[in-house]
Amino acid sequence: MQKVQRKTFINKSDEEINEFLNNLPAEDIVSTHFAVYGYENAADEWTTIFYKVDVE
């Protein structure tokens, strides 16, 4: 059986996110989401990856 998990990166480098993605089989990636949230002259970049994992 499989379930979907979520991994969120906040203000992480592209290299760190790509390293995580490179360790996942392409068929297990369900979706990705990128957003920028701004507030008082600052902003946070959020990247969220939804992926399948095997469970017993």
N, C-alpha and C. Protein backbone atom coordinates (compact mmCIF):
# COMPACT_ATOMS: atom_id res chain seq x y z
N MET A 1 0.84 -1.16 0.00
CA MET A 1 0.00 0.00 0.00
C MET A 1 0.90 1.24 0.00
N GLN A 2 0.39 2.32 -0.57
CA GLN A 2 1.14 3.57 -0.57
C GLN A 2 0.30 4.69 0.02
N LYS A 3 0.98 5.69 0.56
CA LYS A 3 0.31 6.89 1.02
C LYS A 3 1.10 8.09 0.52
N VAL A 4 0.49 9.24 0.56
CA VAL A 4 1.14 10.47 0.09
C VAL A 4 1.68 11.22 1.30
N GLN A 5 2.94 11.64 1.19
CA GLN A 5 3.55 12.47 2.23
C GLN A 5 3.90 13.82 1.63
N ARG A 6 4.15 14.78 2.53
CA ARG A 6 4.49 16.14 2.11
C ARG A 6 5.83 16.53 2.72
N LYS A 7 6.66 17.17 1.92
CA LYS A 7 7.93 17.73 2.40
C LYS A 7 7.93 19.20 2.01
N THR A 8 8.11 20.07 3.00
CA THR A 8 8.10 21.52 2.74
C THR A 8 9.48 22.09 3.02
N PHE A 9 9.95 22.89 2.07
CA PHE A 9 11.22 23.61 2.21
C PHE A 9 10.89 25.09 2.31
N ILE A 10 11.40 25.75 3.33
CA ILE A 10 11.18 27.18 3.50
C ILE A 10 12.53 27.88 3.38
N ASN A 11 12.64 28.74 2.38
CA ASN A 11 13.86 29.52 2.12
C ASN A 11 15.09 28.63 1.94
N LYS A 12 14.92 27.50 1.27
CA LYS A 12 16.05 26.59 1.01
C LYS A 12 16.57 26.81 -0.41
N SER A 13 17.81 26.46 -0.63
CA SER A 13 18.43 26.65 -1.94
C SER A 13 17.88 25.64 -2.94
N ASP A 14 17.97 26.00 -4.22
CA ASP A 14 17.56 25.08 -5.28
C ASP A 14 18.35 23.78 -5.21
N GLU A 15 19.61 23.86 -4.85
CA GLU A 15 20.45 22.67 -4.77
C GLU A 15 19.92 21.69 -3.72
N GLU A 16 19.51 22.20 -2.58
CA GLU A 16 18.99 21.34 -1.52
C GLU A 16 17.67 20.68 -1.94
N ILE A 17 16.81 21.46 -2.59
CA ILE A 17 15.53 20.91 -3.06
C ILE A 17 15.77 19.88 -4.16
N ASN A 18 16.67 20.17 -5.09
CA ASN A 18 16.97 19.23 -6.17
C ASN A 18 17.59 17.94 -5.65
N GLU A 19 18.40 18.04 -4.61
CA GLU A 19 19.00 16.84 -4.01
C GLU A 19 17.91 15.92 -3.48
N PHE A 20 16.90 16.50 -2.83
CA PHE A 20 15.78 15.70 -2.33
C PHE A 20 15.02 15.08 -3.50
N LEU A 21 14.73 15.88 -4.53
CA LEU A 21 13.98 15.37 -5.68
C LEU A 21 14.74 14.28 -6.43
N ASN A 22 16.04 14.40 -6.51
CA ASN A 22 16.85 13.41 -7.22
C ASN A 22 16.82 12.04 -6.55
N ASN A 23 16.46 12.00 -5.27
CA ASN A 23 16.39 10.73 -4.55
C ASN A 23 15.01 10.08 -4.61
N LEU A 24 14.07 10.73 -5.31
CA LEU A 24 12.72 10.18 -5.46
C LEU A 24 12.54 9.65 -6.87
N PRO A 25 11.94 8.47 -7.03
CA PRO A 25 11.58 8.02 -8.37
C PRO A 25 10.53 8.98 -8.96
N ALA A 26 10.66 9.31 -10.23
CA ALA A 26 9.74 10.26 -10.87
C ALA A 26 8.29 9.84 -10.73
N GLU A 27 8.03 8.53 -10.79
CA GLU A 27 6.64 8.07 -10.70
C GLU A 27 6.04 8.23 -9.31
N ASP A 28 6.87 8.48 -8.30
CA ASP A 28 6.37 8.67 -6.94
C ASP A 28 6.06 10.14 -6.62
N ILE A 29 6.46 11.07 -7.46
CA ILE A 29 6.17 12.49 -7.24
C ILE A 29 4.74 12.76 -7.69
N VAL A 30 3.90 13.20 -6.74
CA VAL A 30 2.50 13.47 -7.04
C VAL A 30 2.34 14.89 -7.56
N SER A 31 2.92 15.87 -6.85
CA SER A 31 2.84 17.26 -7.28
C SER A 31 3.85 18.10 -6.52
N THR A 32 4.08 19.29 -7.04
CA THR A 32 4.93 20.26 -6.36
C THR A 32 4.19 21.59 -6.32
N HIS A 33 4.52 22.39 -5.33
CA HIS A 33 3.87 23.69 -5.19
C HIS A 33 4.92 24.70 -4.74
N PHE A 34 4.94 25.86 -5.38
CA PHE A 34 5.88 26.92 -5.03
C PHE A 34 5.08 28.18 -4.74
N ALA A 35 5.41 28.86 -3.64
CA ALA A 35 4.72 30.09 -3.28
C ALA A 35 5.69 31.04 -2.60
N VAL A 36 5.42 32.32 -2.74
CA VAL A 36 6.17 33.36 -2.03
C VAL A 36 5.18 34.13 -1.18
N TYR A 37 5.48 34.21 0.10
CA TYR A 37 4.63 34.93 1.03
C TYR A 37 5.40 36.16 1.52
N GLY A 38 4.85 37.34 1.27
CA GLY A 38 5.51 38.59 1.66
C GLY A 38 4.86 39.23 2.86
N TYR A 39 5.68 39.95 3.62
CA TYR A 39 5.19 40.67 4.78
C TYR A 39 6.22 41.71 5.17
N GLU A 40 5.80 42.90 5.46
CA GLU A 40 6.64 43.98 5.98
C GLU A 40 8.05 43.99 5.39
N ASN A 41 8.19 44.20 4.10
CA ASN A 41 9.49 44.31 3.42
C ASN A 41 10.32 43.03 3.45
N ALA A 42 9.70 41.90 3.65
CA ALA A 42 10.41 40.61 3.64
C ALA A 42 9.52 39.59 2.94
N ALA A 43 10.12 38.47 2.57
CA ALA A 43 9.35 37.42 1.92
C ALA A 43 9.97 36.06 2.23
N ASP A 44 9.12 35.05 2.25
CA ASP A 44 9.56 33.67 2.41
C ASP A 44 9.18 32.89 1.17
N GLU A 45 10.08 32.03 0.71
CA GLU A 45 9.79 31.15 -0.41
C GLU A 45 9.51 29.75 0.12
N TRP A 46 8.35 29.22 -0.22
CA TRP A 46 7.94 27.89 0.22
C TRP A 46 7.87 26.98 -0.99
N THR A 47 8.52 25.83 -0.92
CA THR A 47 8.40 24.79 -1.94
C THR A 47 7.91 23.54 -1.24
N THR A 48 6.79 23.01 -1.72
CA THR A 48 6.21 21.82 -1.11
C THR A 48 6.14 20.72 -2.16
N ILE A 49 6.56 19.54 -1.78
CA ILE A 49 6.57 18.38 -2.67
C ILE A 49 5.71 17.30 -2.04
N PHE A 50 4.76 16.80 -2.81
CA PHE A 50 3.92 15.68 -2.38
C PHE A 50 4.39 14.45 -3.13
N TYR A 51 4.64 13.38 -2.37
CA TYR A 51 5.20 12.17 -2.99
C TYR A 51 4.66 10.92 -2.30
N LYS A 52 4.68 9.81 -3.03
CA LYS A 52 4.17 8.54 -2.51
C LYS A 52 5.27 7.76 -1.79
N VAL A 53 4.87 7.11 -0.70
CA VAL A 53 5.78 6.22 0.02
C VAL A 53 5.04 4.91 0.30
N ASP A 54 5.79 3.83 0.40
CA ASP A 54 5.21 2.53 0.72
C ASP A 54 4.98 2.43 2.23
N VAL A 55 3.84 1.86 2.60
CA VAL A 55 3.55 1.59 4.01
C VAL A 55 3.10 0.15 4.13
N GLU A 56 3.28 -0.41 5.30
CA GLU A 56 2.89 -1.81 5.53
C GLU A 56 1.55 -1.88 6.20
